[in-house]
Amino acid sequence: MKLDVLEAADSKSNDLLQVADVFVASLNRILNAPEPPPQVPGAKDRLAAYVIERTGVQVAEEGDDQCEDLAARIKL
């Protein structure tokens, strides 16, 4: 697979893109937890916990062996 174009999109006028942005940001709170952790969970924390609970996904720390086939990693 070859990526020809990568283009950022403004979510101000796109409701579905805003929902996707909040969803991904909430999961990022689980995968990249802030230090120190918040004393009171915020909306993104609660959304992420809900998604994890409903999907049954097990969140584990990433080891080097889990990304051996990954050619590129983009962290925004």
PDB file of N, CA and C in Angstrom:
ATOM      1  N   MET A   1       0.838  -1.163   0.000  1.00  0.00           N
ATOM      2  CA  MET A   1       0.000   0.000   0.000  1.00  0.00           C
ATOM      3  C   MET A   1       0.890   1.235   0.000  1.00  0.00           C
ATOM      4  N   LYS A   2       0.529   2.203  -0.813  1.00  0.00           N
ATOM      5  CA  LYS A   2       1.290   3.433  -0.906  1.00  0.00           C
ATOM      6  C   LYS A   2       0.353   4.609  -0.673  1.00  0.00           C
ATOM      7  N   LEU A   3       0.746   5.506   0.201  1.00  0.00           N
ATOM      8  CA  LEU A   3      -0.043   6.685   0.509  1.00  0.00           C
ATOM      9  C   LEU A   3       0.409   7.813  -0.399  1.00  0.00           C
ATOM     10  N   ASP A   4      -0.507   8.307  -1.232  1.00  0.00           N
ATOM     11  CA  ASP A   4      -0.165   9.378  -2.166  1.00  0.00           C
ATOM     12  C   ASP A   4      -0.352  10.757  -1.539  1.00  0.00           C
ATOM     13  N   VAL A   5      -1.455  10.937  -0.795  1.00  0.00           N
ATOM     14  CA  VAL A   5      -1.765  12.254  -0.247  1.00  0.00           C
ATOM     15  C   VAL A   5      -2.205  12.101   1.202  1.00  0.00           C
ATOM     16  N   LEU A   6      -1.656  12.940   2.056  1.00  0.00           N
ATOM     17  CA  LEU A   6      -2.087  13.030   3.446  1.00  0.00           C
ATOM     18  C   LEU A   6      -2.460  14.480   3.669  1.00  0.00           C
ATOM     19  N   GLU A   7      -3.725  14.712   3.960  1.00  0.00           N
ATOM     20  CA  GLU A   7      -4.222  16.076   4.038  1.00  0.00           C
ATOM     21  C   GLU A   7      -4.976  16.274   5.347  1.00  0.00           C
ATOM     22  N   ALA A   8      -4.632  17.324   6.069  1.00  0.00           N
ATOM     23  CA  ALA A   8      -5.348  17.657   7.300  1.00  0.00           C
ATOM     24  C   ALA A   8      -6.685  18.283   6.938  1.00  0.00           C
ATOM     25  N   ALA A   9      -7.698  17.963   7.714  1.00  0.00           N
ATOM     26  CA  ALA A   9      -9.026  18.526   7.468  1.00  0.00           C
ATOM     27  C   ALA A   9      -9.467  19.317   8.690  1.00  0.00           C
ATOM     28  N   ASP A  10     -10.128  20.449   8.454  1.00  0.00           N
ATOM     29  CA  ASP A  10     -10.657  21.273   9.526  1.00  0.00           C
ATOM     30  C   ASP A  10     -12.003  20.697   9.960  1.00  0.00           C
ATOM     31  N   SER A  11     -12.131  20.425  11.253  1.00  0.00           N
ATOM     32  CA  SER A  11     -13.360  19.789  11.735  1.00  0.00           C
ATOM     33  C   SER A  11     -14.440  20.800  12.120  1.00  0.00           C
ATOM     34  N   LYS A  12     -14.166  22.087  11.975  1.00  0.00           N
ATOM     35  CA  LYS A  12     -15.137  23.104  12.404  1.00  0.00           C
ATOM     36  C   LYS A  12     -16.495  22.956  11.727  1.00  0.00           C
ATOM     37  N   SER A  13     -16.512  22.565  10.489  1.00  0.00           N
ATOM     38  CA  SER A  13     -17.781  22.455   9.770  1.00  0.00           C
ATOM     39  C   SER A  13     -18.165  21.007   9.472  1.00  0.00           C
ATOM     40  N   ASN A  14     -17.517  20.062  10.134  1.00  0.00           N
ATOM     41  CA  ASN A  14     -17.790  18.652   9.871  1.00  0.00           C
ATOM     42  C   ASN A  14     -18.069  17.943  11.195  1.00  0.00           C
ATOM     43  N   ASP A  15     -19.346  17.718  11.494  1.00  0.00           N
ATOM     44  CA  ASP A  15     -19.745  17.126  12.773  1.00  0.00           C
ATOM     45  C   ASP A  15     -19.160  15.729  12.973  1.00  0.00           C
ATOM     46  N   LEU A  16     -19.154  14.925  11.916  1.00  0.00           N
ATOM     47  CA  LEU A  16     -18.623  13.560  12.051  1.00  0.00           C
ATOM     48  C   LEU A  16     -17.123  13.576  12.343  1.00  0.00           C
ATOM     49  N   LEU A  17     -16.416  14.499  11.744  1.00  0.00           N
ATOM     50  CA  LEU A  17     -14.985  14.619  12.010  1.00  0.00           C
ATOM     51  C   LEU A  17     -14.748  15.076  13.451  1.00  0.00           C
ATOM     52  N   GLN A  18     -15.620  15.938  13.970  1.00  0.00           N
ATOM     53  CA  GLN A  18     -15.509  16.362  15.365  1.00  0.00           C
ATOM     54  C   GLN A  18     -15.735  15.195  16.311  1.00  0.00           C
ATOM     55  N   VAL A  19     -16.716  14.355  16.017  1.00  0.00           N
ATOM     56  CA  VAL A  19     -16.981  13.172  16.844  1.00  0.00           C
ATOM     57  C   VAL A  19     -15.778  12.240  16.807  1.00  0.00           C
ATOM     58  N   ALA A  20     -15.232  12.013  15.627  1.00  0.00           N
ATOM     59  CA  ALA A  20     -14.052  11.146  15.503  1.00  0.00           C
ATOM     60  C   ALA A  20     -12.870  11.724  16.268  1.00  0.00           C
ATOM     61  N   ASP A  21     -12.705  13.037  16.228  1.00  0.00           N
ATOM     62  CA  ASP A  21     -11.616  13.701  16.932  1.00  0.00           C
ATOM     63  C   ASP A  21     -11.740  13.517  18.445  1.00  0.00           C
ATOM     64  N   VAL A  22     -12.935  13.712  18.981  1.00  0.00           N
ATOM     65  CA  VAL A  22     -13.156  13.532  20.424  1.00  0.00           C
ATOM     66  C   VAL A  22     -12.950  12.071  20.815  1.00  0.00           C
ATOM     67  N   PHE A  23     -13.435  11.157  19.973  1.00  0.00           N
ATOM     68  CA  PHE A  23     -13.289   9.730  20.240  1.00  0.00           C
ATOM     69  C   PHE A  23     -11.811   9.326  20.308  1.00  0.00           C
ATOM     70  N   VAL A  24     -11.045   9.740  19.322  1.00  0.00           N
ATOM     71  CA  VAL A  24      -9.625   9.389  19.280  1.00  0.00           C
ATOM     72  C   VAL A  24      -8.860  10.071  20.413  1.00  0.00           C
ATOM     73  N   ALA A  25      -9.198  11.318  20.693  1.00  0.00           N
ATOM     74  CA  ALA A  25      -8.533  12.033  21.790  1.00  0.00           C
ATOM     75  C   ALA A  25      -8.816  11.366  23.129  1.00  0.00           C
ATOM     76  N   SER A  26     -10.022  10.855  23.302  1.00  0.00           N
ATOM     77  CA  SER A  26     -10.342  10.184  24.565  1.00  0.00           C
ATOM     78  C   SER A  26      -9.549   8.884  24.708  1.00  0.00           C
ATOM     79  N   LEU A  27      -9.402   8.153  23.618  1.00  0.00           N
ATOM     80  CA  LEU A  27      -8.602   6.925  23.680  1.00  0.00           C
ATOM     81  C   LEU A  27      -7.126   7.242  23.899  1.00  0.00           C
ATOM     82  N   ASN A  28      -6.685   8.375  23.373  1.00  0.00           N
ATOM     83  CA  ASN A  28      -5.302   8.793  23.593  1.00  0.00           C
ATOM     84  C   ASN A  28      -5.037   9.022  25.077  1.00  0.00           C
ATOM     85  N   ARG A  29      -6.064   9.437  25.819  1.00  0.00           N
ATOM     86  CA  ARG A  29      -5.900   9.641  27.264  1.00  0.00           C
ATOM     87  C   ARG A  29      -5.590   8.324  27.971  1.00  0.00           C
ATOM     88  N   ILE A  30      -6.081   7.224  27.429  1.00  0.00           N
ATOM     89  CA  ILE A  30      -5.785   5.907  28.007  1.00  0.00           C
ATOM     90  C   ILE A  30      -4.384   5.461  27.587  1.00  0.00           C
ATOM     91  N   LEU A  31      -4.090   5.593  26.309  1.00  0.00           N
ATOM     92  CA  LEU A  31      -2.815   5.101  25.786  1.00  0.00           C
ATOM     93  C   LEU A  31      -1.632   5.963  26.199  1.00  0.00           C
ATOM     94  N   ASN A  32      -1.847   7.256  26.363  1.00  0.00           N
ATOM     95  CA  ASN A  32      -0.792   8.183  26.757  1.00  0.00           C
ATOM     96  C   ASN A  32      -1.286   8.995  27.948  1.00  0.00           C
ATOM     97  N   ALA A  33      -1.450   8.315  29.052  1.00  0.00           N
ATOM     98  CA  ALA A  33      -2.021   8.946  30.249  1.00  0.00           C
ATOM     99  C   ALA A  33      -1.171  10.119  30.712  1.00  0.00           C
ATOM    100  N   PRO A  34      -1.834  11.213  31.107  1.00  0.00           N
ATOM    101  CA  PRO A  34      -1.085  12.376  31.580  1.00  0.00           C
ATOM    102  C   PRO A  34      -0.411  12.094  32.919  1.00  0.00           C
ATOM    103  N   GLU A  35       0.715  12.739  33.117  1.00  0.00           N
ATOM    104  CA  GLU A  35       1.434  12.622  34.386  1.00  0.00           C
ATOM    105  C   GLU A  35       1.500  13.987  35.032  1.00  0.00           C
ATOM    106  N   PRO A  36       1.034  14.158  36.188  1.00  0.00           N
ATOM    107  CA  PRO A  36       0.309  13.215  37.036  1.00  0.00           C
ATOM    108  C   PRO A  36      -1.123  13.041  36.528  1.00  0.00           C
ATOM    109  N   PRO A  37      -1.731  11.921  36.855  1.00  0.00           N
ATOM    110  CA  PRO A  37      -3.106  11.696  36.404  1.00  0.00           C
ATOM    111  C   PRO A  37      -4.053  12.708  37.050  1.00  0.00           C
ATOM    112  N   PRO A  38      -5.136  13.058  36.356  1.00  0.00           N
ATOM    113  CA  PRO A  38      -6.076  14.018  36.928  1.00  0.00           C
ATOM    114  C   PRO A  38      -6.748  13.455  38.183  1.00  0.00           C
ATOM    115  N   GLN A  39      -7.012  14.316  39.140  1.00  0.00           N
ATOM    116  CA  GLN A  39      -7.656  13.863  40.379  1.00  0.00           C
ATOM    117  C   GLN A  39      -9.121  13.503  40.126  1.00  0.00           C
ATOM    118  N   VAL A  40      -9.756  14.243  39.227  1.00  0.00           N
ATOM    119  CA  VAL A  40     -11.146  13.971  38.863  1.00  0.00           C
ATOM    120  C   VAL A  40     -11.179  13.680  37.369  1.00  0.00           C
ATOM    121  N   PRO A  41     -11.667  12.499  36.977  1.00  0.00           N
ATOM    122  CA  PRO A  41     -11.710  12.177  35.548  1.00  0.00           C
ATOM    123  C   PRO A  41     -12.569  13.174  34.774  1.00  0.00           C
ATOM    124  N   GLY A  42     -12.068  13.585  33.611  1.00  0.00           N
ATOM    125  CA  GLY A  42     -12.809  14.491  32.751  1.00  0.00           C
ATOM    126  C   GLY A  42     -13.667  13.723  31.766  1.00  0.00           C
ATOM    127  N   ALA A  43     -14.307  14.460  30.879  1.00  0.00           N
ATOM    128  CA  ALA A  43     -15.209  13.852  29.901  1.00  0.00           C
ATOM    129  C   ALA A  43     -14.483  12.864  28.992  1.00  0.00           C
ATOM    130  N   LYS A  44     -13.271  13.227  28.539  1.00  0.00           N
ATOM    131  CA  LYS A  44     -12.518  12.317  27.663  1.00  0.00           C
ATOM    132  C   LYS A  44     -12.131  11.042  28.407  1.00  0.00           C
ATOM    133  N   ASP A  45     -11.782  11.173  29.683  1.00  0.00           N
ATOM    134  CA  ASP A  45     -11.440   9.992  30.484  1.00  0.00           C
ATOM    135  C   ASP A  45     -12.645   9.064  30.622  1.00  0.00           C
ATOM    136  N   ARG A  46     -13.809   9.654  30.877  1.00  0.00           N
ATOM    137  CA  ARG A  46     -15.025   8.851  31.039  1.00  0.00           C
ATOM    138  C   ARG A  46     -15.432   8.199  29.721  1.00  0.00           C
ATOM    139  N   LEU A  47     -15.308   8.935  28.620  1.00  0.00           N
ATOM    140  CA  LEU A  47     -15.635   8.368  27.311  1.00  0.00           C
ATOM    141  C   LEU A  47     -14.696   7.215  26.982  1.00  0.00           C
ATOM    142  N   ALA A  48     -13.413   7.396  27.221  1.00  0.00           N
ATOM    143  CA  ALA A  48     -12.443   6.341  26.931  1.00  0.00           C
ATOM    144  C   ALA A  48     -12.726   5.104  27.776  1.00  0.00           C
ATOM    145  N   ALA A  49     -13.016   5.292  29.055  1.00  0.00           N
ATOM    146  CA  ALA A  49     -13.320   4.150  29.927  1.00  0.00           C
ATOM    147  C   ALA A  49     -14.570   3.424  29.439  1.00  0.00           C
ATOM    148  N   TYR A  50     -15.569   4.176  28.986  1.00  0.00           N
ATOM    149  CA  TYR A  50     -16.799   3.581  28.469  1.00  0.00           C
ATOM    150  C   TYR A  50     -16.522   2.751  27.214  1.00  0.00           C
ATOM    151  N   VAL A  51     -15.747   3.306  26.294  1.00  0.00           N
ATOM    152  CA  VAL A  51     -15.434   2.594  25.044  1.00  0.00           C
ATOM    153  C   VAL A  51     -14.645   1.325  25.345  1.00  0.00           C
ATOM    154  N   ILE A  52     -13.656   1.428  26.223  1.00  0.00           N
ATOM    155  CA  ILE A  52     -12.850   0.257  26.594  1.00  0.00           C
ATOM    156  C   ILE A  52     -13.739  -0.816  27.220  1.00  0.00           C
ATOM    157  N   GLU A  53     -14.633  -0.387  28.116  1.00  0.00           N
ATOM    158  CA  GLU A  53     -15.531  -1.334  28.781  1.00  0.00           C
ATOM    159  C   GLU A  53     -16.475  -2.009  27.791  1.00  0.00           C
ATOM    160  N   ARG A  54     -17.089  -1.213  26.906  1.00  0.00           N
ATOM    161  CA  ARG A  54     -18.078  -1.750  25.961  1.00  0.00           C
ATOM    162  C   ARG A  54     -17.459  -2.660  24.901  1.00  0.00           C
ATOM    163  N   THR A  55     -16.239  -2.353  24.483  1.00  0.00           N
ATOM    164  CA  THR A  55     -15.613  -3.158  23.438  1.00  0.00           C
ATOM    165  C   THR A  55     -14.855  -4.347  23.994  1.00  0.00           C
ATOM    166  N   GLY A  56     -14.525  -4.313  25.284  1.00  0.00           N
ATOM    167  CA  GLY A  56     -13.770  -5.411  25.878  1.00  0.00           C
ATOM    168  C   GLY A  56     -12.305  -5.406  25.485  1.00  0.00           C
ATOM    169  N   VAL A  57     -11.825  -4.294  24.966  1.00  0.00           N
ATOM    170  CA  VAL A  57     -10.429  -4.181  24.558  1.00  0.00           C
ATOM    171  C   VAL A  57      -9.549  -4.178  25.800  1.00  0.00           C
ATOM    172  N   GLN A  58      -8.449  -4.906  25.740  1.00  0.00           N
ATOM    173  CA  GLN A  58      -7.502  -4.920  26.838  1.00  0.00           C
ATOM    174  C   GLN A  58      -6.346  -3.999  26.478  1.00  0.00           C
ATOM    175  N   VAL A  59      -6.132  -2.988  27.294  1.00  0.00           N
ATOM    176  CA  VAL A  59      -5.074  -2.024  27.051  1.00  0.00           C
ATOM    177  C   VAL A  59      -3.835  -2.496  27.790  1.00  0.00           C
ATOM    178  N   ALA A  60      -2.769  -2.688  27.039  1.00  0.00           N
ATOM    179  CA  ALA A  60      -1.501  -3.124  27.630  1.00  0.00           C
ATOM    180  C   ALA A  60      -0.404  -2.210  27.124  1.00  0.00           C
ATOM    181  N   GLU A  61       0.655  -2.111  27.907  1.00  0.00           N
ATOM    182  CA  GLU A  61       1.780  -1.300  27.461  1.00  0.00           C
ATOM    183  C   GLU A  61       2.386  -1.925  26.221  1.00  0.00           C
ATOM    184  N   GLU A  62       2.789  -1.059  25.316  1.00  0.00           N
ATOM    185  CA  GLU A  62       3.341  -1.496  24.041  1.00  0.00           C
ATOM    186  C   GLU A  62       4.794  -1.907  24.220  1.00  0.00           C
ATOM    187  N   GLY A  63       5.112  -3.071  23.735  1.00  0.00           N
ATOM    188  CA  GLY A  63       6.494  -3.516  23.734  1.00  0.00           C
ATOM    189  C   GLY A  63       7.090  -3.368  22.356  1.00  0.00           C
ATOM    190  N   ASP A  64       8.391  -3.465  22.262  1.00  0.00           N
ATOM    191  CA  ASP A  64       9.053  -3.321  20.962  1.00  0.00           C
ATOM    192  C   ASP A  64       8.585  -4.368  19.958  1.00  0.00           C
ATOM    193  N   ASP A  65       8.289  -5.563  20.433  1.00  0.00           N
ATOM    194  CA  ASP A  65       7.907  -6.644  19.535  1.00  0.00           C
ATOM    195  C   ASP A  65       6.516  -6.452  18.938  1.00  0.00           C
ATOM    196  N   GLN A  66       5.692  -5.570  19.505  1.00  0.00           N
ATOM    197  CA  GLN A  66       4.345  -5.371  18.989  1.00  0.00           C
ATOM    198  C   GLN A  66       4.324  -4.510  17.733  1.00  0.00           C
ATOM    199  N   CYS A  67       5.411  -3.844  17.407  1.00  0.00           N
ATOM    200  CA  CYS A  67       5.435  -2.947  16.246  1.00  0.00           C
ATOM    201  C   CYS A  67       6.458  -3.388  15.215  1.00  0.00           C
ATOM    202  N   GLU A  68       6.816  -4.629  15.191  1.00  0.00           N
ATOM    203  CA  GLU A  68       7.896  -5.046  14.305  1.00  0.00           C
ATOM    204  C   GLU A  68       7.569  -4.893  12.833  1.00  0.00           C
ATOM    205  N   ASP A  69       6.275  -4.933  12.449  1.00  0.00           N
ATOM    206  CA  ASP A  69       5.914  -4.790  11.050  1.00  0.00           C
ATOM    207  C   ASP A  69       5.439  -3.383  10.699  1.00  0.00           C
ATOM    208  N   LEU A  70       5.520  -2.472  11.618  1.00  0.00           N
ATOM    209  CA  LEU A  70       5.038  -1.121  11.392  1.00  0.00           C
ATOM    210  C   LEU A  70       6.088  -0.300  10.655  1.00  0.00           C
ATOM    211  N   ALA A  71       5.730   0.188   9.478  1.00  0.00           N
ATOM    212  CA  ALA A  71       6.676   0.926   8.655  1.00  0.00           C
ATOM    213  C   ALA A  71       6.728   2.400   9.041  1.00  0.00           C
ATOM    214  N   ALA A  72       5.614   2.957   9.450  1.00  0.00           N
ATOM    215  CA  ALA A  72       5.580   4.378   9.805  1.00  0.00           C
ATOM    216  C   ALA A  72       4.595   4.577  10.943  1.00  0.00           C
ATOM    217  N   ARG A  73       4.955   5.452  11.847  1.00  0.00           N
ATOM    218  CA  ARG A  73       4.064   5.759  12.965  1.00  0.00           C
ATOM    219  C   ARG A  73       3.937   7.270  13.024  1.00  0.00           C
ATOM    220  N   ILE A  74       2.714   7.760  12.950  1.00  0.00           N
ATOM    221  CA  ILE A  74       2.475   9.190  12.977  1.00  0.00           C
ATOM    222  C   ILE A  74       1.816   9.533  14.298  1.00  0.00           C
ATOM    223  N   LYS A  75       2.440  10.403  15.048  1.00  0.00           N
ATOM    224  CA  LYS A  75       1.893  10.835  16.319  1.00  0.00           C
ATOM    225  C   LYS A  75       1.714  12.345  16.239  1.00  0.00           C
ATOM    226  N   LEU A  76       0.459  12.782  16.248  1.00  0.00           N
ATOM    227  CA  LEU A  76       0.159  14.211  16.149  1.00  0.00           C
ATOM    228  C   LEU A  76      -0.066  14.813  17.493  1.00  0.00           C
TER     229      LEU A  76
END
